[in-house]
All heavy atoms as atom14 arrays in JSON, in Angstrom:
{
  "sequence": "YDHFSIEEATQLQNQLRHNLANQTDIKDFTTIAGA",
  "atom14_mask": [
    [1, 1, 1, 1, 1, 1, 1, 1, 1, 1, 1, 1, 0, 0],
    [1, 1, 1, 1, 1, 1, 1, 1, 0, 0, 0, 0, 0, 0],
    [1, 1, 1, 1, 1, 1, 1, 1, 1, 1, 0, 0, 0, 0],
    [1, 1, 1, 1, 1, 1, 1, 1, 1, 1, 1, 0, 0, 0],
    [1, 1, 1, 1, 1, 1, 0, 0, 0, 0, 0, 0, 0, 0],
    [1, 1, 1, 1, 1, 1, 1, 1, 0, 0, 0, 0, 0, 0],
    [1, 1, 1, 1, 1, 1, 1, 1, 1, 0, 0, 0, 0, 0],
    [1, 1, 1, 1, 1, 1, 1, 1, 1, 0, 0, 0, 0, 0],
    [1, 1, 1, 1, 1, 0, 0, 0, 0, 0, 0, 0, 0, 0],
    [1, 1, 1, 1, 1, 1, 1, 0, 0, 0, 0, 0, 0, 0],
    [1, 1, 1, 1, 1, 1, 1, 1, 1, 0, 0, 0, 0, 0],
    [1, 1, 1, 1, 1, 1, 1, 1, 0, 0, 0, 0, 0, 0],
    [1, 1, 1, 1, 1, 1, 1, 1, 1, 0, 0, 0, 0, 0],
    [1, 1, 1, 1, 1, 1, 1, 1, 0, 0, 0, 0, 0, 0],
    [1, 1, 1, 1, 1, 1, 1, 1, 1, 0, 0, 0, 0, 0],
    [1, 1, 1, 1, 1, 1, 1, 1, 0, 0, 0, 0, 0, 0],
    [1, 1, 1, 1, 1, 1, 1, 1, 1, 1, 1, 0, 0, 0],
    [1, 1, 1, 1, 1, 1, 1, 1, 1, 1, 0, 0, 0, 0],
    [1, 1, 1, 1, 1, 1, 1, 1, 0, 0, 0, 0, 0, 0],
    [1, 1, 1, 1, 1, 1, 1, 1, 0, 0, 0, 0, 0, 0],
    [1, 1, 1, 1, 1, 0, 0, 0, 0, 0, 0, 0, 0, 0],
    [1, 1, 1, 1, 1, 1, 1, 1, 0, 0, 0, 0, 0, 0],
    [1, 1, 1, 1, 1, 1, 1, 1, 1, 0, 0, 0, 0, 0],
    [1, 1, 1, 1, 1, 1, 1, 0, 0, 0, 0, 0, 0, 0],
    [1, 1, 1, 1, 1, 1, 1, 1, 0, 0, 0, 0, 0, 0],
    [1, 1, 1, 1, 1, 1, 1, 1, 0, 0, 0, 0, 0, 0],
    [1, 1, 1, 1, 1, 1, 1, 1, 1, 0, 0, 0, 0, 0],
    [1, 1, 1, 1, 1, 1, 1, 1, 0, 0, 0, 0, 0, 0],
    [1, 1, 1, 1, 1, 1, 1, 1, 1, 1, 1, 0, 0, 0],
    [1, 1, 1, 1, 1, 1, 1, 0, 0, 0, 0, 0, 0, 0],
    [1, 1, 1, 1, 1, 1, 1, 0, 0, 0, 0, 0, 0, 0],
    [1, 1, 1, 1, 1, 1, 1, 1, 0, 0, 0, 0, 0, 0],
    [1, 1, 1, 1, 1, 0, 0, 0, 0, 0, 0, 0, 0, 0],
    [1, 1, 1, 1, 0, 0, 0, 0, 0, 0, 0, 0, 0, 0],
    [1, 1, 1, 1, 1, 0, 0, 0, 0, 0, 0, 0, 0, 0]
  ],
  "atom14_positions": [
    [[-13.44, 0.0, 5.58], [-13.92, 0.37, 4.26], [-15.28, -0.22, 3.95], [-15.68, -0.26, 2.77], [-12.91, -0.11, 3.21], [-11.51, 0.43, 3.37], [-10.46, -0.4, 3.75], [-11.24, 1.77, 3.12], [-9.18, 0.08, 3.89], [-9.95, 2.27, 3.26], [-8.92, 1.42, 3.64], [-7.65, 1.91, 3.78], [0.0, 0.0, 0.0], [0.0, 0.0, 0.0]],
    [[-16.0, -0.68, 4.94], [-17.24, -1.4, 4.69], [-18.27, -0.58, 3.91], [-19.09, -1.14, 3.18], [-17.86, -1.87, 6.0], [-17.11, -3.07, 6.59], [-16.24, -3.62, 5.9], [-17.4, -3.44, 7.75], [0.0, 0.0, 0.0], [0.0, 0.0, 0.0], [0.0, 0.0, 0.0], [0.0, 0.0, 0.0], [0.0, 0.0, 0.0], [0.0, 0.0, 0.0]],
    [[-18.22, 0.73, 4.04], [-19.22, 1.56, 3.38], [-18.69, 2.18, 2.09], [-19.38, 3.01, 1.48], [-19.72, 2.65, 4.33], [-20.34, 2.1, 5.58], [-21.51, 1.37, 5.57], [-19.93, 2.12, 6.87], [-21.81, 0.99, 6.81], [-20.87, 1.43, 7.61], [0.0, 0.0, 0.0], [0.0, 0.0, 0.0], [0.0, 0.0, 0.0], [0.0, 0.0, 0.0]],
    [[-17.49, 1.79, 1.67], [-16.94, 2.29, 0.42], [-17.64, 1.65, -0.77], [-17.89, 0.44, -0.79], [-15.45, 1.95, 0.34], [-14.53, 3.06, 0.76], [-14.76, 3.76, 1.92], [-13.43, 3.39, -0.01], [-13.9, 4.78, 2.32], [-12.57, 4.4, 0.37], [-12.81, 5.11, 1.53], [0.0, 0.0, 0.0], [0.0, 0.0, 0.0], [0.0, 0.0, 0.0]],
    [[-17.92, 2.44, -1.77], [-18.34, 1.9, -3.06], [-17.08, 1.55, -3.85], [-15.97, 1.96, -3.52], [-19.15, 2.94, -3.83], [-18.32, 4.04, -4.19], [0.0, 0.0, 0.0], [0.0, 0.0, 0.0], [0.0, 0.0, 0.0], [0.0, 0.0, 0.0], [0.0, 0.0, 0.0], [0.0, 0.0, 0.0], [0.0, 0.0, 0.0], [0.0, 0.0, 0.0]],
    [[-17.25, 0.78, -4.91], [-16.12, 0.45, -5.76], [-15.54, 1.72, -6.38], [-14.3, 1.85, -6.53], [-16.52, -0.55, -6.85], [-16.94, -1.88, -6.2], [-15.39, -0.78, -7.84], [-15.85, -2.54, -5.36], [0.0, 0.0, 0.0], [0.0, 0.0, 0.0], [0.0, 0.0, 0.0], [0.0, 0.0, 0.0], [0.0, 0.0, 0.0], [0.0, 0.0, 0.0]],
    [[-16.38, 2.68, -6.72], [-15.89, 3.94, -7.29], [-15.02, 4.68, -6.27], [-13.97, 5.22, -6.63], [-17.07, 4.82, -7.71], [-17.85, 4.3, -8.91], [-18.76, 3.11, -8.56], [-19.03, 2.88, -7.36], [-19.2, 2.43, -9.51], [0.0, 0.0, 0.0], [0.0, 0.0, 0.0], [0.0, 0.0, 0.0], [0.0, 0.0, 0.0], [0.0, 0.0, 0.0]],
    [[-15.45, 4.71, -5.01], [-14.64, 5.36, -3.97], [-13.33, 4.61, -3.73], [-12.28, 5.23, -3.51], [-15.45, 5.46, -2.68], [-16.6, 6.44, -2.74], [-17.52, 6.32, -1.54], [-17.73, 5.2, -1.02], [-18.06, 7.37, -1.11], [0.0, 0.0, 0.0], [0.0, 0.0, 0.0], [0.0, 0.0, 0.0], [0.0, 0.0, 0.0], [0.0, 0.0, 0.0]],
    [[-13.4, 3.29, -3.77], [-12.19, 2.5, -3.58], [-11.21, 2.74, -4.72], [-9.99, 2.87, -4.49], [-12.55, 1.01, -3.5], [0.0, 0.0, 0.0], [0.0, 0.0, 0.0], [0.0, 0.0, 0.0], [0.0, 0.0, 0.0], [0.0, 0.0, 0.0], [0.0, 0.0, 0.0], [0.0, 0.0, 0.0], [0.0, 0.0, 0.0], [0.0, 0.0, 0.0]],
    [[-11.7, 2.83, -5.93], [-10.83, 3.11, -7.08], [-10.17, 4.47, -6.94], [-8.96, 4.63, -7.19], [-11.65, 3.07, -8.39], [-12.26, 1.79, -8.52], [-10.76, 3.34, -9.59], [0.0, 0.0, 0.0], [0.0, 0.0, 0.0], [0.0, 0.0, 0.0], [0.0, 0.0, 0.0], [0.0, 0.0, 0.0], [0.0, 0.0, 0.0], [0.0, 0.0, 0.0]],
    [[-10.94, 5.46, -6.51], [-10.4, 6.8, -6.33], [-9.29, 6.8, -5.28], [-8.24, 7.43, -5.46], [-11.51, 7.77, -5.92], [-11.04, 9.21, -5.77], [-12.17, 10.14, -5.39], [-13.22, 9.71, -4.9], [-11.97, 11.43, -5.6], [0.0, 0.0, 0.0], [0.0, 0.0, 0.0], [0.0, 0.0, 0.0], [0.0, 0.0, 0.0], [0.0, 0.0, 0.0]],
    [[-9.49, 6.07, -4.18], [-8.47, 6.02, -3.13], [-7.22, 5.31, -3.63], [-6.1, 5.75, -3.34], [-9.02, 5.32, -1.89], [-8.07, 5.26, -0.7], [-7.6, 6.65, -0.28], [-8.72, 4.55, 0.48], [0.0, 0.0, 0.0], [0.0, 0.0, 0.0], [0.0, 0.0, 0.0], [0.0, 0.0, 0.0], [0.0, 0.0, 0.0], [0.0, 0.0, 0.0]],
    [[-7.38, 4.23, -4.38], [-6.2, 3.57, -4.93], [-5.4, 4.51, -5.82], [-4.16, 4.55, -5.75], [-6.62, 2.33, -5.74], [-7.06, 1.16, -4.88], [-7.46, -0.05, -5.72], [-7.81, 0.09, -6.89], [-7.39, -1.23, -5.14], [0.0, 0.0, 0.0], [0.0, 0.0, 0.0], [0.0, 0.0, 0.0], [0.0, 0.0, 0.0], [0.0, 0.0, 0.0]],
    [[-6.08, 5.28, -6.63], [-5.39, 6.21, -7.52], [-4.68, 7.31, -6.74], [-3.64, 7.82, -7.19], [-6.37, 6.81, -8.53], [-6.71, 5.85, -9.65], [-5.86, 5.09, -10.1], [-7.96, 5.88, -10.1], [0.0, 0.0, 0.0], [0.0, 0.0, 0.0], [0.0, 0.0, 0.0], [0.0, 0.0, 0.0], [0.0, 0.0, 0.0], [0.0, 0.0, 0.0]],
    [[-5.22, 7.68, -5.59], [-4.55, 8.67, -4.74], [-3.32, 8.06, -4.06], [-2.24, 8.65, -4.04], [-5.53, 9.21, -3.7], [-6.66, 10.05, -4.26], [-7.7, 10.38, -3.21], [-7.65, 9.92, -2.07], [-8.69, 11.18, -3.6], [0.0, 0.0, 0.0], [0.0, 0.0, 0.0], [0.0, 0.0, 0.0], [0.0, 0.0, 0.0], [0.0, 0.0, 0.0]],
    [[-3.5, 6.86, -3.5], [-2.43, 6.25, -2.72], [-1.23, 5.85, -3.57], [-0.1, 5.91, -3.11], [-2.97, 5.01, -2.0], [-3.98, 5.25, -0.87], [-4.46, 3.91, -0.32], [-3.36, 6.07, 0.25], [0.0, 0.0, 0.0], [0.0, 0.0, 0.0], [0.0, 0.0, 0.0], [0.0, 0.0, 0.0], [0.0, 0.0, 0.0], [0.0, 0.0, 0.0]],
    [[-1.45, 5.46, -4.81], [-0.37, 4.94, -5.64], [0.78, 5.93, -5.79], [1.93, 5.54, -5.98], [-0.89, 4.53, -7.01], [-1.42, 5.68, -7.84], [-1.94, 5.22, -9.2], [-0.88, 4.71, -10.05], [-1.07, 4.25, -11.28], [-2.29, 4.23, -11.79], [-0.07, 3.83, -12.0], [0.0, 0.0, 0.0], [0.0, 0.0, 0.0], [0.0, 0.0, 0.0]],
    [[0.47, 7.21, -5.7], [1.51, 8.24, -5.87], [2.47, 8.3, -4.68], [3.53, 8.93, -4.77], [0.86, 9.6, -6.09], [0.01, 9.66, -7.33], [0.52, 9.54, -8.61], [-1.34, 9.8, -7.48], [-0.45, 9.62, -9.5], [-1.59, 9.77, -8.84], [0.0, 0.0, 0.0], [0.0, 0.0, 0.0], [0.0, 0.0, 0.0], [0.0, 0.0, 0.0]],
    [[2.12, 7.64, -3.59], [2.98, 7.64, -2.4], [3.87, 6.41, -2.31], [4.65, 6.28, -1.36], [2.12, 7.74, -1.14], [1.33, 9.03, -1.08], [1.84, 10.1, -1.44], [0.09, 8.95, -0.62], [0.0, 0.0, 0.0], [0.0, 0.0, 0.0], [0.0, 0.0, 0.0], [0.0, 0.0, 0.0], [0.0, 0.0, 0.0], [0.0, 0.0, 0.0]],
    [[3.75, 5.48, -3.25], [4.54, 4.26, -3.2], [6.01, 4.57, -3.41], [6.38, 5.38, -4.27], [4.07, 3.27, -4.25], [2.72, 2.6, -4.0], [2.32, 1.79, -5.22], [2.77, 1.71, -2.77], [0.0, 0.0, 0.0], [0.0, 0.0, 0.0], [0.0, 0.0, 0.0], [0.0, 0.0, 0.0], [0.0, 0.0, 0.0], [0.0, 0.0, 0.0]],
    [[6.88, 3.9, -2.64], [8.33, 4.01, -2.8], [8.84, 2.74, -3.47], [8.51, 1.63, -3.02], [9.0, 4.21, -1.44], [0.0, 0.0, 0.0], [0.0, 0.0, 0.0], [0.0, 0.0, 0.0], [0.0, 0.0, 0.0], [0.0, 0.0, 0.0], [0.0, 0.0, 0.0], [0.0, 0.0, 0.0], [0.0, 0.0, 0.0], [0.0, 0.0, 0.0]],
    [[9.64, 2.9, -4.51], [10.11, 1.74, -5.27], [11.58, 1.39, -5.01], [12.2, 0.68, -5.79], [9.88, 1.96, -6.77], [10.63, 3.17, -7.31], [11.4, 3.81, -6.6], [10.39, 3.5, -8.57], [0.0, 0.0, 0.0], [0.0, 0.0, 0.0], [0.0, 0.0, 0.0], [0.0, 0.0, 0.0], [0.0, 0.0, 0.0], [0.0, 0.0, 0.0]],
    [[12.11, 1.89, -3.9], [13.46, 1.53, -3.47], [13.39, 0.81, -2.13], [12.57, 1.16, -1.27], [14.35, 2.77, -3.36], [14.6, 3.46, -4.68], [15.34, 2.58, -5.67], [16.27, 1.87, -5.31], [14.91, 2.61, -6.94], [0.0, 0.0, 0.0], [0.0, 0.0, 0.0], [0.0, 0.0, 0.0], [0.0, 0.0, 0.0], [0.0, 0.0, 0.0]],
    [[14.28, -0.15, -1.94], [14.23, -0.95, -0.72], [14.62, -0.1, 0.49], [15.66, 0.55, 0.5], [15.17, -2.16, -0.85], [14.78, -2.91, -2.0], [15.08, -3.05, 0.39], [0.0, 0.0, 0.0], [0.0, 0.0, 0.0], [0.0, 0.0, 0.0], [0.0, 0.0, 0.0], [0.0, 0.0, 0.0], [0.0, 0.0, 0.0], [0.0, 0.0, 0.0]],
    [[13.75, -0.13, 1.5], [13.94, 0.71, 2.69], [14.88, 0.06, 3.69], [15.47, 0.75, 4.51], [12.57, 0.95, 3.35], [12.66, 1.85, 4.58], [13.15, 2.98, 4.42], [12.26, 1.41, 5.66], [0.0, 0.0, 0.0], [0.0, 0.0, 0.0], [0.0, 0.0, 0.0], [0.0, 0.0, 0.0], [0.0, 0.0, 0.0], [0.0, 0.0, 0.0]],
    [[15.06, -1.24, 3.63], [15.83, -1.94, 4.64], [16.73, -2.96, 3.94], [16.3, -3.66, 3.03], [14.9, -2.63, 5.66], [15.72, -3.27, 6.78], [13.94, -3.6, 5.01], [14.85, -3.73, 7.96], [0.0, 0.0, 0.0], [0.0, 0.0, 0.0], [0.0, 0.0, 0.0], [0.0, 0.0, 0.0], [0.0, 0.0, 0.0], [0.0, 0.0, 0.0]],
    [[17.99, -3.01, 4.34], [18.96, -3.92, 3.71], [19.34, -5.07, 4.62], [19.28, -6.22, 4.24], [20.21, -3.13, 3.3], [19.97, -2.12, 2.19], [19.68, -2.8, 0.86], [19.56, -1.79, -0.27], [19.23, -2.43, -1.56], [0.0, 0.0, 0.0], [0.0, 0.0, 0.0], [0.0, 0.0, 0.0], [0.0, 0.0, 0.0], [0.0, 0.0, 0.0]],
    [[19.75, -4.75, 5.83], [20.19, -5.78, 6.78], [19.07, -6.03, 7.78], [18.85, -5.24, 8.69], [21.46, -5.34, 7.5], [22.62, -5.13, 6.53], [22.78, -5.97, 5.63], [23.34, -4.12, 6.67], [0.0, 0.0, 0.0], [0.0, 0.0, 0.0], [0.0, 0.0, 0.0], [0.0, 0.0, 0.0], [0.0, 0.0, 0.0], [0.0, 0.0, 0.0]],
    [[18.36, -7.13, 7.6], [17.28, -7.45, 8.52], [17.35, -8.92, 8.88], [17.87, -9.74, 8.12], [15.92, -7.08, 7.91], [15.61, -7.79, 6.62], [14.86, -8.95, 6.59], [16.07, -7.27, 5.41], [14.57, -9.6, 5.41], [15.78, -7.92, 4.21], [15.03, -9.08, 4.21], [0.0, 0.0, 0.0], [0.0, 0.0, 0.0], [0.0, 0.0, 0.0]],
    [[16.84, -9.25, 10.04], [16.95, -10.62, 10.55], [15.59, -11.27, 10.76], [15.54, -12.43, 11.18], [17.73, -10.63, 11.87], [17.05, -9.79, 12.83], [19.15, -10.11, 11.68], [0.0, 0.0, 0.0], [0.0, 0.0, 0.0], [0.0, 0.0, 0.0], [0.0, 0.0, 0.0], [0.0, 0.0, 0.0], [0.0, 0.0, 0.0], [0.0, 0.0, 0.0]],
    [[14.51, -10.56, 10.5], [13.16, -11.14, 10.62], [12.34, -10.75, 9.42], [12.5, -9.67, 8.83], [12.44, -10.68, 11.9], [12.35, -9.24, 11.91], [13.15, -11.18, 13.15], [0.0, 0.0, 0.0], [0.0, 0.0, 0.0], [0.0, 0.0, 0.0], [0.0, 0.0, 0.0], [0.0, 0.0, 0.0], [0.0, 0.0, 0.0], [0.0, 0.0, 0.0]],
    [[11.43, -11.65, 9.06], [10.5, -11.41, 7.97], [9.15, -11.99, 8.4], [9.11, -12.98, 9.14], [11.0, -12.06, 6.67], [10.2, -11.59, 5.45], [11.04, -13.58, 6.77], [10.86, -11.93, 4.12], [0.0, 0.0, 0.0], [0.0, 0.0, 0.0], [0.0, 0.0, 0.0], [0.0, 0.0, 0.0], [0.0, 0.0, 0.0], [0.0, 0.0, 0.0]],
    [[8.07, -11.36, 7.97], [6.74, -11.83, 8.38], [5.92, -12.23, 7.17], [6.1, -11.71, 6.06], [6.01, -10.74, 9.16], [0.0, 0.0, 0.0], [0.0, 0.0, 0.0], [0.0, 0.0, 0.0], [0.0, 0.0, 0.0], [0.0, 0.0, 0.0], [0.0, 0.0, 0.0], [0.0, 0.0, 0.0], [0.0, 0.0, 0.0], [0.0, 0.0, 0.0]],
    [[5.02, -13.16, 7.39], [4.0, -13.49, 6.41], [2.64, -13.07, 6.95], [2.38, -13.18, 8.16], [0.0, 0.0, 0.0], [0.0, 0.0, 0.0], [0.0, 0.0, 0.0], [0.0, 0.0, 0.0], [0.0, 0.0, 0.0], [0.0, 0.0, 0.0], [0.0, 0.0, 0.0], [0.0, 0.0, 0.0], [0.0, 0.0, 0.0], [0.0, 0.0, 0.0]],
    [[1.78, -12.57, 6.07], [0.45, -12.13, 6.47], [-0.59, -12.78, 5.58], [-0.42, -12.85, 4.36], [0.34, -10.61, 6.39], [0.0, 0.0, 0.0], [0.0, 0.0, 0.0], [0.0, 0.0, 0.0], [0.0, 0.0, 0.0], [0.0, 0.0, 0.0], [0.0, 0.0, 0.0], [0.0, 0.0, 0.0], [0.0, 0.0, 0.0], [0.0, 0.0, 0.0]]
  ]
}
């Protein structure tokens, strides 16, 4: 995203937000990661 303007970044965030899932996809898991 090095060549993105803040306006372009805002537009992409507004597009992506509609794809967010608000239900847990995984219940039984044995590993977790930190980033």
